[in-house]
Structures are given as structure tokens and as C-alpha cells.
Amino acid sequence: MTTVVKCPTCGKGVVWGEISPYRPFCCKRCQLIDLGEWADEEKRIPSTGDLSETEDWSEEDDRDR
């Protein structure tokens, strides 16, 4: 049985297998469009808080490591 998923960028059907090297995207173009959206911070993973609010951090801490 062949599994077909929708390309997250354009919605075109994509066969989930070796035949589709850019899966889950239908092509390199859709893959790069998605990457650009992440790079421009149009997409992001939601979080419950900011790291600076939950931990005390300073540059001195990094120098110790």
C-alpha cells in the first residue's frame, strides 16, 4: 500500500517513499519556501515561556564551561 501525504507548502499529493526525495514536500522549491518561512521567523514552535524568565543566565556562565 502506498502512503500519500499533502505537501505542507502547496498541498499537492506526495508519495511517502524513496520516489519522493523531498518528502514531505513535493519538490525542492516547496522545501526552500518552507525553510525561508522558518528563517524569517514566520513559523515558530510555540513555547510557554522565555528562557530568560525561567533561568538566570549570563555570559560568565558560558565562559565557565
PDB file of N, CA and C in Angstrom:
ATOM      1  N   MET A   1       0.846  -1.187   0.000  1.00  0.00           N
ATOM      2  CA  MET A   1       0.000   0.000   0.000  1.00  0.00           C
ATOM      3  C   MET A   1       0.887   1.245   0.000  1.00  0.00           C
ATOM      4  N   THR A   2       0.543   2.213  -0.806  1.00  0.00           N
ATOM      5  CA  THR A   2       1.309   3.449  -0.918  1.00  0.00           C
ATOM      6  C   THR A   2       0.677   4.532  -0.055  1.00  0.00           C
ATOM      7  N   THR A   3       1.513   5.189   0.741  1.00  0.00           N
ATOM      8  CA  THR A   3       1.040   6.297   1.578  1.00  0.00           C
ATOM      9  C   THR A   3       1.274   7.599   0.833  1.00  0.00           C
ATOM     10  N   VAL A   4       0.247   8.413   0.760  1.00  0.00           N
ATOM     11  CA  VAL A   4       0.335   9.717   0.113  1.00  0.00           C
ATOM     12  C   VAL A   4       0.018  10.785   1.158  1.00  0.00           C
ATOM     13  N   VAL A   5       0.881  11.792   1.257  1.00  0.00           N
ATOM     14  CA  VAL A   5       0.668  12.908   2.184  1.00  0.00           C
ATOM     15  C   VAL A   5       0.568  14.198   1.380  1.00  0.00           C
ATOM     16  N   LYS A   6       0.025  15.229   1.993  1.00  0.00           N
ATOM     17  CA  LYS A   6      -0.060  16.530   1.334  1.00  0.00           C
ATOM     18  C   LYS A   6       1.205  17.332   1.601  1.00  0.00           C
ATOM     19  N   CYS A   7       1.727  17.968   0.573  1.00  0.00           N
ATOM     20  CA  CYS A   7       2.873  18.870   0.723  1.00  0.00           C
ATOM     21  C   CYS A   7       2.454  20.000   1.657  1.00  0.00           C
ATOM     22  N   PRO A   8       3.235  20.271   2.717  1.00  0.00           N
ATOM     23  CA  PRO A   8       2.852  21.330   3.659  1.00  0.00           C
ATOM     24  C   PRO A   8       2.839  22.732   3.043  1.00  0.00           C
ATOM     25  N   THR A   9       3.519  22.905   1.913  1.00  0.00           N
ATOM     26  CA  THR A   9       3.584  24.224   1.295  1.00  0.00           C
ATOM     27  C   THR A   9       2.463  24.459   0.293  1.00  0.00           C
ATOM     28  N   CYS A  10       2.276  23.509  -0.643  1.00  0.00           N
ATOM     29  CA  CYS A  10       1.298  23.729  -1.712  1.00  0.00           C
ATOM     30  C   CYS A  10       0.080  22.809  -1.654  1.00  0.00           C
ATOM     31  N   GLY A  11       0.157  21.746  -0.856  1.00  0.00           N
ATOM     32  CA  GLY A  11      -0.975  20.840  -0.718  1.00  0.00           C
ATOM     33  C   GLY A  11      -1.033  19.718  -1.741  1.00  0.00           C
ATOM     34  N   LYS A  12      -0.092  19.677  -2.663  1.00  0.00           N
ATOM     35  CA  LYS A  12      -0.047  18.620  -3.680  1.00  0.00           C
ATOM     36  C   LYS A  12       0.242  17.272  -3.011  1.00  0.00           C
ATOM     37  N   GLY A  13      -0.312  16.183  -3.561  1.00  0.00           N
ATOM     38  CA  GLY A  13      -0.080  14.856  -3.024  1.00  0.00           C
ATOM     39  C   GLY A  13       1.356  14.400  -3.252  1.00  0.00           C
ATOM     40  N   VAL A  14       1.961  13.810  -2.221  1.00  0.00           N
ATOM     41  CA  VAL A  14       3.346  13.332  -2.287  1.00  0.00           C
ATOM     42  C   VAL A  14       3.386  11.889  -1.813  1.00  0.00           C
ATOM     43  N   VAL A  15       3.979  11.009  -2.614  1.00  0.00           N
ATOM     44  CA  VAL A  15       4.141   9.617  -2.218  1.00  0.00           C
ATOM     45  C   VAL A  15       5.221   9.564  -1.143  1.00  0.00           C
ATOM     46  N   TRP A  16       4.914   8.921  -0.008  1.00  0.00           N
ATOM     47  CA  TRP A  16       5.871   8.814   1.093  1.00  0.00           C
ATOM     48  C   TRP A  16       6.746   7.599   0.836  1.00  0.00           C
ATOM     49  N   GLY A  17       7.885   7.860   0.193  1.00  0.00           N
ATOM     50  CA  GLY A  17       8.802   6.770  -0.114  1.00  0.00           C
ATOM     51  C   GLY A  17      10.021   7.283  -0.856  1.00  0.00           C
ATOM     52  N   GLU A  18      10.872   6.357  -1.240  1.00  0.00           N
ATOM     53  CA  GLU A  18      12.130   6.700  -1.917  1.00  0.00           C
ATOM     54  C   GLU A  18      11.904   7.474  -3.217  1.00  0.00           C
ATOM     55  N   ILE A  19      10.744   7.317  -3.818  1.00  0.00           N
ATOM     56  CA  ILE A  19      10.433   8.006  -5.070  1.00  0.00           C
ATOM     57  C   ILE A  19      10.342   9.532  -4.876  1.00  0.00           C
ATOM     58  N   SER A  20      10.128   9.969  -3.641  1.00  0.00           N
ATOM     59  CA  SER A  20       9.964  11.395  -3.324  1.00  0.00           C
ATOM     60  C   SER A  20      11.100  11.860  -2.406  1.00  0.00           C
ATOM     61  N   PRO A  21      12.216  12.300  -2.974  1.00  0.00           N
ATOM     62  CA  PRO A  21      13.383  12.655  -2.151  1.00  0.00           C
ATOM     63  C   PRO A  21      13.188  13.883  -1.262  1.00  0.00           C
ATOM     64  N   TYR A  22      12.195  14.724  -1.554  1.00  0.00           N
ATOM     65  CA  TYR A  22      11.985  15.943  -0.762  1.00  0.00           C
ATOM     66  C   TYR A  22      10.842  15.793   0.237  1.00  0.00           C
ATOM     67  N   ARG A  23      10.350  14.559   0.426  1.00  0.00           N
ATOM     68  CA  ARG A  23       9.203  14.351   1.311  1.00  0.00           C
ATOM     69  C   ARG A  23       9.431  14.974   2.680  1.00  0.00           C
ATOM     70  N   PRO A  24       8.494  15.599   3.278  1.00  0.00           N
ATOM     71  CA  PRO A  24       7.086  15.642   2.920  1.00  0.00           C
ATOM     72  C   PRO A  24       6.739  16.681   1.863  1.00  0.00           C
ATOM     73  N   PHE A  25       7.732  17.345   1.308  1.00  0.00           N
ATOM     74  CA  PHE A  25       7.486  18.348   0.275  1.00  0.00           C
ATOM     75  C   PHE A  25       7.463  17.687  -1.090  1.00  0.00           C
ATOM     76  N   CYS A  26       6.746  18.315  -2.041  1.00  0.00           N
ATOM     77  CA  CYS A  26       6.643  17.738  -3.381  1.00  0.00           C
ATOM     78  C   CYS A  26       7.877  18.030  -4.226  1.00  0.00           C
ATOM     79  N   CYS A  27       8.613  19.095  -3.902  1.00  0.00           N
ATOM     80  CA  CYS A  27       9.780  19.453  -4.702  1.00  0.00           C
ATOM     81  C   CYS A  27      10.733  20.333  -3.885  1.00  0.00           C
ATOM     82  N   LYS A  28      11.892  20.572  -4.432  1.00  0.00           N
ATOM     83  CA  LYS A  28      12.911  21.399  -3.774  1.00  0.00           C
ATOM     84  C   LYS A  28      12.385  22.820  -3.529  1.00  0.00           C
ATOM     85  N   ARG A  29      11.624  23.348  -4.487  1.00  0.00           N
ATOM     86  CA  ARG A  29      11.088  24.708  -4.361  1.00  0.00           C
ATOM     87  C   ARG A  29      10.211  24.841  -3.110  1.00  0.00           C
ATOM     88  N   CYS A  30       9.295  23.899  -2.911  1.00  0.00           N
ATOM     89  CA  CYS A  30       8.423  23.952  -1.725  1.00  0.00           C
ATOM     90  C   CYS A  30       9.235  23.793  -0.443  1.00  0.00           C
ATOM     91  N   GLN A  31      10.266  22.953  -0.501  1.00  0.00           N
ATOM     92  CA  GLN A  31      11.136  22.760   0.663  1.00  0.00           C
ATOM     93  C   GLN A  31      11.835  24.076   1.024  1.00  0.00           C
ATOM     94  N   LEU A  32      12.328  24.780   0.017  1.00  0.00           N
ATOM     95  CA  LEU A  32      13.035  26.047   0.263  1.00  0.00           C
ATOM     96  C   LEU A  32      12.095  27.155   0.710  1.00  0.00           C
ATOM     97  N   ILE A  33      10.869  27.154   0.206  1.00  0.00           N
ATOM     98  CA  ILE A  33       9.879  28.135   0.662  1.00  0.00           C
ATOM     99  C   ILE A  33       9.638  27.952   2.152  1.00  0.00           C
ATOM    100  N   ASP A  34       9.464  26.696   2.579  1.00  0.00           N
ATOM    101  CA  ASP A  34       9.241  26.406   3.998  1.00  0.00           C
ATOM    102  C   ASP A  34      10.448  26.819   4.841  1.00  0.00           C
ATOM    103  N   LEU A  35      11.648  26.496   4.376  1.00  0.00           N
ATOM    104  CA  LEU A  35      12.860  26.878   5.094  1.00  0.00           C
ATOM    105  C   LEU A  35      12.951  28.396   5.244  1.00  0.00           C
ATOM    106  N   GLY A  36      12.619  29.120   4.189  1.00  0.00           N
ATOM    107  CA  GLY A  36      12.634  30.581   4.240  1.00  0.00           C
ATOM    108  C   GLY A  36      11.653  31.137   5.249  1.00  0.00           C
ATOM    109  N   GLU A  37      10.477  30.496   5.374  1.00  0.00           N
ATOM    110  CA  GLU A  37       9.491  30.945   6.357  1.00  0.00           C
ATOM    111  C   GLU A  37      10.017  30.757   7.776  1.00  0.00           C
ATOM    112  N   TRP A  38      10.728  29.653   8.031  1.00  0.00           N
ATOM    113  CA  TRP A  38      11.328  29.439   9.350  1.00  0.00           C
ATOM    114  C   TRP A  38      12.440  30.466   9.585  1.00  0.00           C
ATOM    115  N   ALA A  39      13.262  30.719   8.568  1.00  0.00           N
ATOM    116  CA  ALA A  39      14.378  31.653   8.714  1.00  0.00           C
ATOM    117  C   ALA A  39      13.891  33.079   8.964  1.00  0.00           C
ATOM    118  N   ASP A  40      12.775  33.449   8.337  1.00  0.00           N
ATOM    119  CA  ASP A  40      12.202  34.783   8.537  1.00  0.00           C
ATOM    120  C   ASP A  40      11.339  34.869   9.786  1.00  0.00           C
ATOM    121  N   GLU A  41      11.287  33.761  10.538  1.00  0.00           N
ATOM    122  CA  GLU A  41      10.503  33.654  11.765  1.00  0.00           C
ATOM    123  C   GLU A  41       9.010  33.850  11.527  1.00  0.00           C
ATOM    124  N   GLU A  42       8.546  33.506  10.304  1.00  0.00           N
ATOM    125  CA  GLU A  42       7.116  33.489  10.032  1.00  0.00           C
ATOM    126  C   GLU A  42       6.491  32.261  10.678  1.00  0.00           C
ATOM    127  N   LYS A  43       7.294  31.220  10.847  1.00  0.00           N
ATOM    128  CA  LYS A  43       6.875  29.999  11.533  1.00  0.00           C
ATOM    129  C   LYS A  43       7.747  29.840  12.761  1.00  0.00           C
ATOM    130  N   ARG A  44       7.163  29.296  13.825  1.00  0.00           N
ATOM    131  CA  ARG A  44       7.954  29.005  15.016  1.00  0.00           C
ATOM    132  C   ARG A  44       7.203  27.999  15.875  1.00  0.00           C
ATOM    133  N   ILE A  45       7.915  27.355  16.746  1.00  0.00           N
ATOM    134  CA  ILE A  45       7.334  26.398  17.668  1.00  0.00           C
ATOM    135  C   ILE A  45       6.924  27.170  18.915  1.00  0.00           C
ATOM    136  N   PRO A  46       5.647  27.108  19.281  1.00  0.00           N
ATOM    137  CA  PRO A  46       5.203  27.875  20.452  1.00  0.00           C
ATOM    138  C   PRO A  46       5.843  27.352  21.735  1.00  0.00           C
ATOM    139  N   SER A  47       6.088  28.261  22.648  1.00  0.00           N
ATOM    140  CA  SER A  47       6.640  27.872  23.945  1.00  0.00           C
ATOM    141  C   SER A  47       5.803  28.506  25.045  1.00  0.00           C
ATOM    142  N   THR A  48       5.973  27.980  26.237  1.00  0.00           N
ATOM    143  CA  THR A  48       5.201  28.506  27.360  1.00  0.00           C
ATOM    144  C   THR A  48       5.897  29.657  28.058  1.00  0.00           C
ATOM    145  N   GLY A  49       7.165  29.850  27.796  1.00  0.00           N
ATOM    146  CA  GLY A  49       7.876  30.939  28.454  1.00  0.00           C
ATOM    147  C   GLY A  49       9.198  31.230  27.784  1.00  0.00           C
ATOM    148  N   ASP A  50       9.796  32.307  28.177  1.00  0.00           N
ATOM    149  CA  ASP A  50      11.078  32.728  27.665  1.00  0.00           C
ATOM    150  C   ASP A  50      12.171  32.150  28.550  1.00  0.00           C
ATOM    151  N   LEU A  51      13.259  31.693  27.969  1.00  0.00           N
ATOM    152  CA  LEU A  51      14.363  31.108  28.727  1.00  0.00           C
ATOM    153  C   LEU A  51      14.873  32.091  29.782  1.00  0.00           C
ATOM    154  N   SER A  52      14.926  33.363  29.428  1.00  0.00           N
ATOM    155  CA  SER A  52      15.443  34.347  30.374  1.00  0.00           C
ATOM    156  C   SER A  52      14.537  34.487  31.599  1.00  0.00           C
ATOM    157  N   GLU A  53      13.264  34.129  31.470  1.00  0.00           N
ATOM    158  CA  GLU A  53      12.353  34.211  32.600  1.00  0.00           C
ATOM    159  C   GLU A  53      12.485  33.005  33.528  1.00  0.00           C
ATOM    160  N   THR A  54      12.940  31.867  32.998  1.00  0.00           N
ATOM    161  CA  THR A  54      12.963  30.643  33.784  1.00  0.00           C
ATOM    162  C   THR A  54      14.337  30.316  34.357  1.00  0.00           C
ATOM    163  N   GLU A  55      15.385  30.895  33.819  1.00  0.00           N
ATOM    164  CA  GLU A  55      16.736  30.609  34.292  1.00  0.00           C
ATOM    165  C   GLU A  55      17.541  31.900  34.399  1.00  0.00           C
ATOM    166  N   ASP A  56      18.388  31.942  35.389  1.00  0.00           N
ATOM    167  CA  ASP A  56      19.336  33.045  35.457  1.00  0.00           C
ATOM    168  C   ASP A  56      20.509  32.668  34.573  1.00  0.00           C
ATOM    169  N   TRP A  57      20.822  33.490  33.619  1.00  0.00           N
ATOM    170  CA  TRP A  57      21.886  33.204  32.673  1.00  0.00           C
ATOM    171  C   TRP A  57      22.715  34.454  32.464  1.00  0.00           C
ATOM    172  N   SER A  58      24.004  34.245  32.317  1.00  0.00           N
ATOM    173  CA  SER A  58      24.871  35.369  31.971  1.00  0.00           C
ATOM    174  C   SER A  58      25.990  34.844  31.087  1.00  0.00           C
ATOM    175  N   GLU A  59      26.690  35.750  30.440  1.00  0.00           N
ATOM    176  CA  GLU A  59      27.811  35.337  29.593  1.00  0.00           C
ATOM    177  C   GLU A  59      28.901  34.688  30.423  1.00  0.00           C
ATOM    178  N   GLU A  60      29.018  35.068  31.677  1.00  0.00           N
ATOM    179  CA  GLU A  60      30.018  34.460  32.561  1.00  0.00           C
ATOM    180  C   GLU A  60      29.763  32.970  32.716  1.00  0.00           C
ATOM    181  N   ASP A  61      28.488  32.560  32.752  1.00  0.00           N
ATOM    182  CA  ASP A  61      28.140  31.145  32.849  1.00  0.00           C
ATOM    183  C   ASP A  61      28.718  30.370  31.681  1.00  0.00           C
ATOM    184  N   ASP A  62      28.655  30.909  30.462  1.00  0.00           N
ATOM    185  CA  ASP A  62      29.184  30.225  29.286  1.00  0.00           C
ATOM    186  C   ASP A  62      30.709  30.122  29.325  1.00  0.00           C
ATOM    187  N   ARG A  63      31.362  31.115  29.881  1.00  0.00           N
ATOM    188  CA  ARG A  63      32.842  31.084  29.942  1.00  0.00           C
ATOM    189  C   ARG A  63      33.336  30.000  30.872  1.00  0.00           C
ATOM    190  N   ASP A  64      32.535  29.631  31.862  1.00  0.00           N
ATOM    191  CA  ASP A  64      32.925  28.607  32.810  1.00  0.00           C
ATOM    192  C   ASP A  64      32.874  27.203  32.211  1.00  0.00           C
ATOM    193  N   ARG A  65      32.202  27.040  31.101  1.00  0.00           N
ATOM    194  CA  ARG A  65      32.007  25.708  30.518  1.00  0.00           C
ATOM    195  C   ARG A  65      33.095  25.325  29.574  1.00  0.00           C
TER     196      ARG A  65
END
